[in-house]
Amino acid sequence: MKLCPKMSWQIWWDVRLAELTEIKNILENWTVSNNWEFKFKSAFISYWNKSTFKFKTFLFWL
């Protein structure tokens, strides 16, 4: 089965969105448990992707 470009993009975006949500949740849980507060509305997050062996950096709203 061949994916049309729009469908491929949607799948790619869903995966990225899932990654961002997971990182955001981890950060929020960590900061709450450690009594920290985010001072900014957005943050750059870099992490090591085990599947691609590359660093990724994201900017997302907290």
N, C-alpha and C. Protein backbone atom coordinates (compact mmCIF):
# COMPACT_ATOMS: atom_id res chain seq x y z
N MET A 1 0.83 -1.19 0.00
CA MET A 1 0.00 0.00 0.00
C MET A 1 0.87 1.25 0.00
N LYS A 2 0.58 2.16 -0.90
CA LYS A 2 1.36 3.39 -0.99
C LYS A 2 0.59 4.53 -0.33
N LEU A 3 1.28 5.26 0.51
CA LEU A 3 0.64 6.37 1.19
C LEU A 3 0.72 7.64 0.35
N CYS A 4 -0.36 8.35 0.29
CA CYS A 4 -0.31 9.64 -0.41
C CYS A 4 0.48 10.61 0.46
N PRO A 5 1.07 11.66 -0.13
CA PRO A 5 1.90 12.60 0.63
C PRO A 5 1.20 13.18 1.85
N LYS A 6 -0.08 13.53 1.69
CA LYS A 6 -0.83 14.12 2.80
C LYS A 6 -0.96 13.13 3.96
N MET A 7 -1.24 11.89 3.62
CA MET A 7 -1.39 10.85 4.63
C MET A 7 -0.05 10.57 5.32
N SER A 8 1.01 10.54 4.55
CA SER A 8 2.34 10.33 5.11
C SER A 8 2.68 11.45 6.09
N TRP A 9 2.36 12.68 5.69
CA TRP A 9 2.63 13.84 6.54
C TRP A 9 1.84 13.74 7.83
N GLN A 10 0.57 13.30 7.74
CA GLN A 10 -0.28 13.19 8.92
C GLN A 10 0.29 12.16 9.89
N ILE A 11 0.76 11.04 9.38
CA ILE A 11 1.35 10.01 10.23
C ILE A 11 2.62 10.55 10.88
N TRP A 12 3.44 11.23 10.09
CA TRP A 12 4.68 11.81 10.63
C TRP A 12 4.35 12.80 11.73
N TRP A 13 3.36 13.65 11.51
CA TRP A 13 3.00 14.67 12.50
C TRP A 13 2.44 14.02 13.76
N ASP A 14 1.61 12.99 13.61
CA ASP A 14 1.05 12.28 14.77
C ASP A 14 2.15 11.71 15.63
N VAL A 15 3.18 11.15 15.01
CA VAL A 15 4.31 10.58 15.75
C VAL A 15 5.05 11.68 16.49
N ARG A 16 5.32 12.80 15.81
CA ARG A 16 6.03 13.92 16.44
C ARG A 16 5.22 14.49 17.60
N LEU A 17 3.93 14.60 17.40
CA LEU A 17 3.05 15.14 18.43
C LEU A 17 3.04 14.23 19.65
N ALA A 18 3.04 12.93 19.41
CA ALA A 18 3.08 11.97 20.51
C ALA A 18 4.38 12.10 21.29
N GLU A 19 5.50 12.29 20.57
CA GLU A 19 6.79 12.46 21.22
C GLU A 19 6.80 13.72 22.08
N LEU A 20 6.28 14.81 21.54
CA LEU A 20 6.24 16.08 22.26
C LEU A 20 5.38 15.98 23.51
N THR A 21 4.23 15.35 23.37
CA THR A 21 3.31 15.21 24.51
C THR A 21 3.96 14.39 25.61
N GLU A 22 4.65 13.32 25.23
CA GLU A 22 5.31 12.46 26.20
C GLU A 22 6.40 13.23 26.96
N ILE A 23 7.21 13.99 26.22
CA ILE A 23 8.29 14.77 26.84
C ILE A 23 7.69 15.84 27.76
N LYS A 24 6.65 16.49 27.29
CA LYS A 24 5.99 17.55 28.08
C LYS A 24 5.45 16.96 29.39
N ASN A 25 4.82 15.79 29.31
CA ASN A 25 4.27 15.16 30.51
C ASN A 25 5.36 14.77 31.49
N ILE A 26 6.45 14.23 30.96
CA ILE A 26 7.58 13.84 31.82
C ILE A 26 8.14 15.07 32.53
N LEU A 27 8.32 16.14 31.78
CA LEU A 27 8.83 17.38 32.37
C LEU A 27 7.91 17.93 33.44
N GLU A 28 6.62 17.96 33.14
CA GLU A 28 5.65 18.49 34.09
C GLU A 28 5.63 17.65 35.36
N ASN A 29 5.63 16.34 35.21
CA ASN A 29 5.64 15.46 36.37
C ASN A 29 6.89 15.65 37.21
N TRP A 30 8.03 15.80 36.53
CA TRP A 30 9.29 15.98 37.24
C TRP A 30 9.32 17.29 38.01
N THR A 31 8.87 18.35 37.35
CA THR A 31 8.91 19.66 38.01
C THR A 31 7.94 19.73 39.17
N VAL A 32 6.78 19.11 39.02
CA VAL A 32 5.80 19.11 40.12
C VAL A 32 6.35 18.33 41.31
N SER A 33 6.94 17.18 41.02
CA SER A 33 7.45 16.35 42.11
C SER A 33 8.67 16.97 42.79
N ASN A 34 9.36 17.85 42.08
CA ASN A 34 10.54 18.50 42.65
C ASN A 34 10.30 19.96 43.04
N ASN A 35 9.01 20.34 43.05
CA ASN A 35 8.61 21.70 43.44
C ASN A 35 9.26 22.78 42.59
N TRP A 36 9.41 22.50 41.31
CA TRP A 36 9.94 23.51 40.40
C TRP A 36 8.78 24.13 39.64
N GLU A 37 9.03 25.29 39.10
CA GLU A 37 8.03 25.92 38.24
C GLU A 37 8.73 26.40 36.98
N PHE A 38 8.04 26.27 35.87
CA PHE A 38 8.60 26.80 34.63
C PHE A 38 8.42 28.30 34.62
N LYS A 39 9.48 29.00 34.32
CA LYS A 39 9.42 30.45 34.31
C LYS A 39 9.08 30.98 32.91
N PHE A 40 9.15 30.11 31.93
CA PHE A 40 8.88 30.53 30.56
C PHE A 40 7.73 29.72 29.99
N LYS A 41 7.08 30.29 28.99
CA LYS A 41 5.95 29.59 28.38
C LYS A 41 6.39 28.53 27.38
N SER A 42 7.63 28.61 26.95
CA SER A 42 8.11 27.61 25.99
C SER A 42 9.50 27.15 26.39
N ALA A 43 9.90 26.02 25.88
CA ALA A 43 11.21 25.47 26.22
C ALA A 43 11.75 24.64 25.07
N PHE A 44 13.06 24.69 24.91
CA PHE A 44 13.71 23.82 23.93
C PHE A 44 14.07 22.51 24.63
N ILE A 45 13.73 21.44 24.00
CA ILE A 45 14.02 20.14 24.58
C ILE A 45 14.85 19.33 23.58
N SER A 46 15.99 18.86 24.03
CA SER A 46 16.81 17.98 23.18
C SER A 46 16.85 16.60 23.82
N TYR A 47 16.75 15.61 23.01
CA TYR A 47 16.86 14.26 23.56
C TYR A 47 17.44 13.32 22.52
N TRP A 48 17.98 12.23 23.02
CA TRP A 48 18.61 11.24 22.17
C TRP A 48 17.58 10.23 21.72
N ASN A 49 17.44 10.11 20.41
CA ASN A 49 16.49 9.16 19.87
C ASN A 49 17.21 7.83 19.64
N LYS A 50 16.77 6.80 20.35
CA LYS A 50 17.45 5.50 20.29
C LYS A 50 17.28 4.82 18.93
N SER A 51 16.19 5.14 18.24
CA SER A 51 15.95 4.47 16.97
C SER A 51 16.74 5.08 15.82
N THR A 52 16.97 6.39 15.86
CA THR A 52 17.69 7.02 14.76
C THR A 52 19.11 7.42 15.15
N PHE A 53 19.42 7.31 16.45
CA PHE A 53 20.74 7.67 16.97
C PHE A 53 21.10 9.12 16.64
N LYS A 54 20.11 9.99 16.76
CA LYS A 54 20.34 11.41 16.50
C LYS A 54 19.72 12.24 17.61
N PHE A 55 20.32 13.40 17.83
CA PHE A 55 19.72 14.33 18.78
C PHE A 55 18.59 15.07 18.09
N LYS A 56 17.53 15.34 18.84
CA LYS A 56 16.43 16.13 18.31
C LYS A 56 16.19 17.28 19.27
N THR A 57 15.83 18.40 18.72
CA THR A 57 15.50 19.56 19.54
C THR A 57 14.11 20.05 19.16
N PHE A 58 13.29 20.23 20.17
CA PHE A 58 11.93 20.69 19.92
C PHE A 58 11.67 21.98 20.68
N LEU A 59 10.79 22.79 20.14
CA LEU A 59 10.29 23.96 20.85
C LEU A 59 8.79 23.72 21.03
N PHE A 60 8.32 23.75 22.25
CA PHE A 60 6.88 23.55 22.45
C PHE A 60 6.38 24.41 23.60
N TRP A 61 5.10 24.62 23.61
CA TRP A 61 4.47 25.43 24.65
C TRP A 61 4.21 24.57 25.87
N LEU A 62 4.48 25.11 27.03
CA LEU A 62 4.26 24.37 28.28
C LEU A 62 2.92 24.78 28.89
